[in-house]
Amino acid sequence: MVKSIFYHAGCPVCVSAEQDIVNLIGADNVEVVHIGEDRSRISEAEKAGVKSVPALLTPNGNVLHLNFGASINDLKG
């Protein structure tokens, strides 16, 4: 089974969204990536189409941008 990937930067908006996503789809069905701490995953997120965080990448490749927390470009800084 392929998991969804939830990208976030650790801000309050992101942490709140993370809790909701995990509660909705289950911890076993989502990989949580804090790209504020693991900057090596930024390029992976960009290639998948992530423009801002928090964002959920679904198993079929759709990116669901949630309540705006930070631009992916701001995280590169």
PDB file of N, CA and C in Angstrom:
ATOM      1  N   MET A   1       0.827  -1.177   0.000  1.00  0.00           N
ATOM      2  CA  MET A   1       0.000   0.000   0.000  1.00  0.00           C
ATOM      3  C   MET A   1       0.877   1.248   0.000  1.00  0.00           C
ATOM      4  N   VAL A   2       0.524   2.204  -0.821  1.00  0.00           N
ATOM      5  CA  VAL A   2       1.241   3.464  -0.892  1.00  0.00           C
ATOM      6  C   VAL A   2       0.569   4.454   0.055  1.00  0.00           C
ATOM      7  N   LYS A   3       1.382   5.172   0.810  1.00  0.00           N
ATOM      8  CA  LYS A   3       0.854   6.154   1.760  1.00  0.00           C
ATOM      9  C   LYS A   3       0.738   7.528   1.121  1.00  0.00           C
ATOM     10  N   SER A   4      -0.116   8.352   1.709  1.00  0.00           N
ATOM     11  CA  SER A   4      -0.120   9.776   1.405  1.00  0.00           C
ATOM     12  C   SER A   4       1.082  10.378   2.121  1.00  0.00           C
ATOM     13  N   ILE A   5       1.527  11.540   1.659  1.00  0.00           N
ATOM     14  CA  ILE A   5       2.624  12.245   2.323  1.00  0.00           C
ATOM     15  C   ILE A   5       2.105  13.623   2.705  1.00  0.00           C
ATOM     16  N   PHE A   6       2.237  13.960   3.977  1.00  0.00           N
ATOM     17  CA  PHE A   6       1.820  15.259   4.477  1.00  0.00           C
ATOM     18  C   PHE A   6       3.070  16.087   4.730  1.00  0.00           C
ATOM     19  N   TYR A   7       3.238  17.155   3.948  1.00  0.00           N
ATOM     20  CA  TYR A   7       4.382  18.046   4.089  1.00  0.00           C
ATOM     21  C   TYR A   7       3.975  19.257   4.922  1.00  0.00           C
ATOM     22  N   HIS A   8       4.827  19.611   5.877  1.00  0.00           N
ATOM     23  CA  HIS A   8       4.562  20.814   6.657  1.00  0.00           C
ATOM     24  C   HIS A   8       5.864  21.410   7.163  1.00  0.00           C
ATOM     25  N   ALA A   9       5.749  22.614   7.754  1.00  0.00           N
ATOM     26  CA  ALA A   9       6.937  23.336   8.209  1.00  0.00           C
ATOM     27  C   ALA A   9       6.964  23.577   9.713  1.00  0.00           C
ATOM     28  N   GLY A  10       6.000  23.044  10.434  1.00  0.00           N
ATOM     29  CA  GLY A  10       6.024  23.145  11.882  1.00  0.00           C
ATOM     30  C   GLY A  10       5.303  24.341  12.481  1.00  0.00           C
ATOM     31  N   CYS A  11       4.738  25.200  11.642  1.00  0.00           N
ATOM     32  CA  CYS A  11       4.012  26.364  12.168  1.00  0.00           C
ATOM     33  C   CYS A  11       2.704  25.887  12.805  1.00  0.00           C
ATOM     34  N   PRO A  12       2.038  26.732  13.590  1.00  0.00           N
ATOM     35  CA  PRO A  12       0.785  26.307  14.222  1.00  0.00           C
ATOM     36  C   PRO A  12      -0.277  25.844  13.230  1.00  0.00           C
ATOM     37  N   VAL A  13      -0.377  26.501  12.076  1.00  0.00           N
ATOM     38  CA  VAL A  13      -1.336  26.083  11.048  1.00  0.00           C
ATOM     39  C   VAL A  13      -1.009  24.667  10.588  1.00  0.00           C
ATOM     40  N   CYS A  14       0.278  24.403  10.367  1.00  0.00           N
ATOM     41  CA  CYS A  14       0.717  23.085   9.879  1.00  0.00           C
ATOM     42  C   CYS A  14       0.485  21.993  10.915  1.00  0.00           C
ATOM     43  N   VAL A  15       0.817  22.278  12.159  1.00  0.00           N
ATOM     44  CA  VAL A  15       0.665  21.281  13.222  1.00  0.00           C
ATOM     45  C   VAL A  15      -0.807  20.933  13.424  1.00  0.00           C
ATOM     46  N   SER A  16      -1.660  21.935  13.387  1.00  0.00           N
ATOM     47  CA  SER A  16      -3.099  21.696  13.511  1.00  0.00           C
ATOM     48  C   SER A  16      -3.598  20.837  12.351  1.00  0.00           C
ATOM     49  N   ALA A  17      -3.175  21.168  11.136  1.00  0.00           N
ATOM     50  CA  ALA A  17      -3.578  20.391   9.959  1.00  0.00           C
ATOM     51  C   ALA A  17      -3.043  18.964  10.037  1.00  0.00           C
ATOM     52  N   GLU A  18      -1.813  18.798  10.523  1.00  0.00           N
ATOM     53  CA  GLU A  18      -1.238  17.456  10.676  1.00  0.00           C
ATOM     54  C   GLU A  18      -2.110  16.605  11.587  1.00  0.00           C
ATOM     55  N   GLN A  19      -2.508  17.153  12.711  1.00  0.00           N
ATOM     56  CA  GLN A  19      -3.347  16.402  13.645  1.00  0.00           C
ATOM     57  C   GLN A  19      -4.664  15.997  12.995  1.00  0.00           C
ATOM     58  N   ASP A  20      -5.265  16.909  12.249  1.00  0.00           N
ATOM     59  CA  ASP A  20      -6.527  16.597  11.575  1.00  0.00           C
ATOM     60  C   ASP A  20      -6.352  15.518  10.511  1.00  0.00           C
ATOM     61  N   ILE A  21      -5.291  15.630   9.716  1.00  0.00           N
ATOM     62  CA  ILE A  21      -5.040  14.641   8.649  1.00  0.00           C
ATOM     63  C   ILE A  21      -4.811  13.263   9.251  1.00  0.00           C
ATOM     64  N   VAL A  22      -3.985  13.182  10.277  1.00  0.00           N
ATOM     65  CA  VAL A  22      -3.704  11.893  10.912  1.00  0.00           C
ATOM     66  C   VAL A  22      -4.989  11.306  11.494  1.00  0.00           C
ATOM     67  N   ASN A  23      -5.805  12.145  12.115  1.00  0.00           N
ATOM     68  CA  ASN A  23      -7.080  11.660  12.662  1.00  0.00           C
ATOM     69  C   ASN A  23      -8.037  11.204  11.570  1.00  0.00           C
ATOM     70  N   LEU A  24      -8.036  11.885  10.437  1.00  0.00           N
ATOM     71  CA  LEU A  24      -8.956  11.555   9.351  1.00  0.00           C
ATOM     72  C   LEU A  24      -8.570  10.280   8.602  1.00  0.00           C
ATOM     73  N   ILE A  25      -7.291  10.155   8.251  1.00  0.00           N
ATOM     74  CA  ILE A  25      -6.905   9.019   7.402  1.00  0.00           C
ATOM     75  C   ILE A  25      -6.089   7.955   8.131  1.00  0.00           C
ATOM     76  N   GLY A  26      -5.677   8.250   9.356  1.00  0.00           N
ATOM     77  CA  GLY A  26      -4.948   7.260  10.153  1.00  0.00           C
ATOM     78  C   GLY A  26      -3.445   7.363   9.998  1.00  0.00           C
ATOM     79  N   ALA A  27      -2.750   7.218  11.098  1.00  0.00           N
ATOM     80  CA  ALA A  27      -1.291   7.344  11.122  1.00  0.00           C
ATOM     81  C   ALA A  27      -0.601   6.323  10.211  1.00  0.00           C
ATOM     82  N   ASP A  28      -1.206   5.168  10.033  1.00  0.00           N
ATOM     83  CA  ASP A  28      -0.613   4.133   9.184  1.00  0.00           C
ATOM     84  C   ASP A  28      -0.734   4.453   7.696  1.00  0.00           C
ATOM     85  N   ASN A  29      -1.563   5.437   7.356  1.00  0.00           N
ATOM     86  CA  ASN A  29      -1.820   5.757   5.954  1.00  0.00           C
ATOM     87  C   ASN A  29      -1.154   7.037   5.478  1.00  0.00           C
ATOM     88  N   VAL A  30      -0.381   7.671   6.355  1.00  0.00           N
ATOM     89  CA  VAL A  30       0.246   8.938   5.981  1.00  0.00           C
ATOM     90  C   VAL A  30       1.658   9.020   6.551  1.00  0.00           C
ATOM     91  N   GLU A  31       2.572   9.499   5.722  1.00  0.00           N
ATOM     92  CA  GLU A  31       3.929   9.808   6.164  1.00  0.00           C
ATOM     93  C   GLU A  31       3.973  11.314   6.398  1.00  0.00           C
ATOM     94  N   VAL A  32       4.384  11.715   7.583  1.00  0.00           N
ATOM     95  CA  VAL A  32       4.473  13.128   7.917  1.00  0.00           C
ATOM     96  C   VAL A  32       5.910  13.585   7.705  1.00  0.00           C
ATOM     97  N   VAL A  33       6.068  14.632   6.886  1.00  0.00           N
ATOM     98  CA  VAL A  33       7.398  15.167   6.583  1.00  0.00           C
ATOM     99  C   VAL A  33       7.453  16.624   7.018  1.00  0.00           C
ATOM    100  N   HIS A  34       8.271  16.898   8.003  1.00  0.00           N
ATOM    101  CA  HIS A  34       8.477  18.267   8.507  1.00  0.00           C
ATOM    102  C   HIS A  34       9.659  18.823   7.703  1.00  0.00           C
ATOM    103  N   ILE A  35       9.349  19.539   6.609  1.00  0.00           N
ATOM    104  CA  ILE A  35      10.439  20.002   5.737  1.00  0.00           C
ATOM    105  C   ILE A  35      11.177  21.199   6.317  1.00  0.00           C
ATOM    106  N   GLY A  36      10.664  21.758   7.411  1.00  0.00           N
ATOM    107  CA  GLY A  36      11.429  22.766   8.133  1.00  0.00           C
ATOM    108  C   GLY A  36      12.629  22.134   8.826  1.00  0.00           C
ATOM    109  N   GLU A  37      12.498  20.880   9.206  1.00  0.00           N
ATOM    110  CA  GLU A  37      13.587  20.139   9.858  1.00  0.00           C
ATOM    111  C   GLU A  37      14.359  19.265   8.880  1.00  0.00           C
ATOM    112  N   ASP A  38      13.706  18.765   7.852  1.00  0.00           N
ATOM    113  CA  ASP A  38      14.356  17.885   6.866  1.00  0.00           C
ATOM    114  C   ASP A  38      14.328  18.569   5.502  1.00  0.00           C
ATOM    115  N   ARG A  39      15.218  19.538   5.333  1.00  0.00           N
ATOM    116  CA  ARG A  39      15.262  20.347   4.120  1.00  0.00           C
ATOM    117  C   ARG A  39      15.604  19.529   2.876  1.00  0.00           C
ATOM    118  N   SER A  40      16.159  18.362   3.043  1.00  0.00           N
ATOM    119  CA  SER A  40      16.489  17.512   1.894  1.00  0.00           C
ATOM    120  C   SER A  40      15.232  17.045   1.160  1.00  0.00           C
ATOM    121  N   ARG A  41      14.080  17.175   1.780  1.00  0.00           N
ATOM    122  CA  ARG A  41      12.828  16.719   1.169  1.00  0.00           C
ATOM    123  C   ARG A  41      12.117  17.827   0.389  1.00  0.00           C
ATOM    124  N   ILE A  42      12.663  19.074   0.424  1.00  0.00           N
ATOM    125  CA  ILE A  42      12.034  20.185  -0.278  1.00  0.00           C
ATOM    126  C   ILE A  42      11.958  19.922  -1.777  1.00  0.00           C
ATOM    127  N   SER A  43      13.052  19.479  -2.378  1.00  0.00           N
ATOM    128  CA  SER A  43      13.038  19.243  -3.831  1.00  0.00           C
ATOM    129  C   SER A  43      12.056  18.134  -4.198  1.00  0.00           C
ATOM    130  N   GLU A  44      11.942  17.131  -3.362  1.00  0.00           N
ATOM    131  CA  GLU A  44      10.966  16.053  -3.576  1.00  0.00           C
ATOM    132  C   GLU A  44       9.545  16.621  -3.581  1.00  0.00           C
ATOM    133  N   ALA A  45       9.260  17.496  -2.619  1.00  0.00           N
ATOM    134  CA  ALA A  45       7.934  18.112  -2.528  1.00  0.00           C
ATOM    135  C   ALA A  45       7.661  18.971  -3.763  1.00  0.00           C
ATOM    136  N   GLU A  46       8.651  19.745  -4.180  1.00  0.00           N
ATOM    137  CA  GLU A  46       8.486  20.591  -5.372  1.00  0.00           C
ATOM    138  C   GLU A  46       8.211  19.758  -6.612  1.00  0.00           C
ATOM    139  N   LYS A  47       8.956  18.675  -6.786  1.00  0.00           N
ATOM    140  CA  LYS A  47       8.761  17.806  -7.952  1.00  0.00           C
ATOM    141  C   LYS A  47       7.358  17.203  -7.972  1.00  0.00           C
ATOM    142  N   ALA A  48       6.793  16.996  -6.784  1.00  0.00           N
ATOM    143  CA  ALA A  48       5.447  16.438  -6.684  1.00  0.00           C
ATOM    144  C   ALA A  48       4.372  17.496  -6.948  1.00  0.00           C
ATOM    145  N   GLY A  49       4.773  18.782  -6.942  1.00  0.00           N
ATOM    146  CA  GLY A  49       3.819  19.855  -7.207  1.00  0.00           C
ATOM    147  C   GLY A  49       3.424  20.676  -6.003  1.00  0.00           C
ATOM    148  N   VAL A  50       4.096  20.473  -4.877  1.00  0.00           N
ATOM    149  CA  VAL A  50       3.789  21.236  -3.671  1.00  0.00           C
ATOM    150  C   VAL A  50       4.275  22.669  -3.855  1.00  0.00           C
ATOM    151  N   LYS A  51       3.367  23.624  -3.670  1.00  0.00           N
ATOM    152  CA  LYS A  51       3.673  25.050  -3.805  1.00  0.00           C
ATOM    153  C   LYS A  51       3.714  25.751  -2.451  1.00  0.00           C
ATOM    154  N   SER A  52       2.988  25.188  -1.483  1.00  0.00           N
ATOM    155  CA  SER A  52       2.943  25.751  -0.144  1.00  0.00           C
ATOM    156  C   SER A  52       2.622  24.632   0.839  1.00  0.00           C
ATOM    157  N   VAL A  53       2.917  24.897   2.094  1.00  0.00           N
ATOM    158  CA  VAL A  53       2.598  23.931   3.143  1.00  0.00           C
ATOM    159  C   VAL A  53       1.638  24.572   4.123  1.00  0.00           C
ATOM    160  N   PRO A  54       0.802  23.802   4.744  1.00  0.00           N
ATOM    161  CA  PRO A  54       0.711  22.352   4.689  1.00  0.00           C
ATOM    162  C   PRO A  54       0.075  21.856   3.392  1.00  0.00           C
ATOM    163  N   ALA A  55       0.530  20.693   2.967  1.00  0.00           N
ATOM    164  CA  ALA A  55       0.010  20.078   1.743  1.00  0.00           C
ATOM    165  C   ALA A  55       0.026  18.563   1.894  1.00  0.00           C
ATOM    166  N   LEU A  56      -0.950  17.929   1.287  1.00  0.00           N
ATOM    167  CA  LEU A  56      -1.051  16.479   1.310  1.00  0.00           C
ATOM    168  C   LEU A  56      -0.896  15.950  -0.101  1.00  0.00           C
ATOM    169  N   LEU A  57       0.077  15.079  -0.299  1.00  0.00           N
ATOM    170  CA  LEU A  57       0.277  14.392  -1.572  1.00  0.00           C
ATOM    171  C   LEU A  57      -0.427  13.049  -1.468  1.00  0.00           C
ATOM    172  N   THR A  58      -1.426  12.841  -2.312  1.00  0.00           N
ATOM    173  CA  THR A  58      -2.194  11.597  -2.263  1.00  0.00           C
ATOM    174  C   THR A  58      -1.436  10.487  -2.982  1.00  0.00           C
ATOM    175  N   PRO A  59      -1.791   9.233  -2.718  1.00  0.00           N
ATOM    176  CA  PRO A  59      -1.110   8.119  -3.381  1.00  0.00           C
ATOM    177  C   PRO A  59      -1.173   8.162  -4.903  1.00  0.00           C
ATOM    178  N   ASN A  60      -2.213   8.799  -5.468  1.00  0.00           N
ATOM    179  CA  ASN A  60      -2.298   8.856  -6.932  1.00  0.00           C
ATOM    180  C   ASN A  60      -1.657  10.118  -7.506  1.00  0.00           C
ATOM    181  N   GLY A  61      -0.939  10.881  -6.667  1.00  0.00           N
ATOM    182  CA  GLY A  61      -0.148  12.011  -7.161  1.00  0.00           C
ATOM    183  C   GLY A  61      -0.803  13.372  -7.103  1.00  0.00           C
ATOM    184  N   ASN A  62      -2.008  13.465  -6.572  1.00  0.00           N
ATOM    185  CA  ASN A  62      -2.651  14.772  -6.426  1.00  0.00           C
ATOM    186  C   ASN A  62      -2.091  15.493  -5.204  1.00  0.00           C
ATOM    187  N   VAL A  63      -1.885  16.799  -5.342  1.00  0.00           N
ATOM    188  CA  VAL A  63      -1.437  17.615  -4.212  1.00  0.00           C
ATOM    189  C   VAL A  63      -2.618  18.436  -3.724  1.00  0.00           C
ATOM    190  N   LEU A  64      -2.941  18.273  -2.460  1.00  0.00           N
ATOM    191  CA  LEU A  64      -4.022  19.018  -1.835  1.00  0.00           C
ATOM    192  C   LEU A  64      -3.388  20.082  -0.948  1.00  0.00           C
ATOM    193  N   HIS A  65      -3.444  21.334  -1.401  1.00  0.00           N
ATOM    194  CA  HIS A  65      -2.908  22.436  -0.614  1.00  0.00           C
ATOM    195  C   HIS A  65      -3.946  22.837   0.418  1.00  0.00           C
ATOM    196  N   LEU A  66      -3.547  22.801   1.673  1.00  0.00           N
ATOM    197  CA  LEU A  66      -4.455  23.106   2.769  1.00  0.00           C
ATOM    198  C   LEU A  66      -4.266  24.556   3.198  1.00  0.00           C
ATOM    199  N   ASN A  67      -4.902  24.945   4.256  1.00  0.00           N
ATOM    200  CA  ASN A  67      -4.810  26.303   4.782  1.00  0.00           C
ATOM    201  C   ASN A  67      -3.369  26.815   4.716  1.00  0.00           C
ATOM    202  N   PHE A  68      -3.136  27.919   4.015  1.00  0.00           N
ATOM    203  CA  PHE A  68      -1.785  28.414   3.743  1.00  0.00           C
ATOM    204  C   PHE A  68      -0.995  28.673   5.019  1.00  0.00           C
ATOM    205  N   GLY A  69       0.194  28.078   5.099  1.00  0.00           N
ATOM    206  CA  GLY A  69       1.111  28.296   6.216  1.00  0.00           C
ATOM    207  C   GLY A  69       2.375  28.982   5.759  1.00  0.00           C
ATOM    208  N   ALA A  70       2.997  28.454   4.673  1.00  0.00           N
ATOM    209  CA  ALA A  70       4.237  29.024   4.147  1.00  0.00           C
ATOM    210  C   ALA A  70       4.428  28.557   2.703  1.00  0.00           C
ATOM    211  N   SER A  71       5.022  29.436   1.920  1.00  0.00           N
ATOM    212  CA  SER A  71       5.379  29.098   0.546  1.00  0.00           C
ATOM    213  C   SER A  71       6.576  28.163   0.564  1.00  0.00           C
ATOM    214  N   ILE A  72       6.630  27.253  -0.391  1.00  0.00           N
ATOM    215  CA  ILE A  72       7.784  26.341  -0.484  1.00  0.00           C
ATOM    216  C   ILE A  72       9.059  27.161  -0.733  1.00  0.00           C
ATOM    217  N   ASN A  73       8.950  28.265  -1.446  1.00  0.00           N
ATOM    218  CA  ASN A  73      10.124  29.127  -1.698  1.00  0.00           C
ATOM    219  C   ASN A  73      10.642  29.746  -0.401  1.00  0.00           C
ATOM    220  N   ASP A  74       9.753  30.073   0.523  1.00  0.00           N
ATOM    221  CA  ASP A  74      10.177  30.630   1.798  1.00  0.00           C
ATOM    222  C   ASP A  74      10.977  29.622   2.611  1.00  0.00           C
ATOM    223  N   LEU A  75      10.682  28.341   2.430  1.00  0.00           N
ATOM    224  CA  LEU A  75      11.370  27.299   3.185  1.00  0.00           C
ATOM    225  C   LEU A  75      12.782  27.063   2.675  1.00  0.00           C
ATOM    226  N   LYS A  76      13.043  27.426   1.435  1.00  0.00           N
ATOM    227  CA  LYS A  76      14.381  27.255   0.869  1.00  0.00           C
ATOM    228  C   LYS A  76      15.371  28.219   1.494  1.00  0.00           C
ATOM    229  N   GLY A  77      14.864  29.413   1.846  1.00  0.00           N
ATOM    230  CA  GLY A  77      15.644  30.529   2.342  1.00  0.00           C
ATOM    231  C   GLY A  77      16.691  30.219   3.279  1.00  0.00           C
TER     232      GLY A  77
END
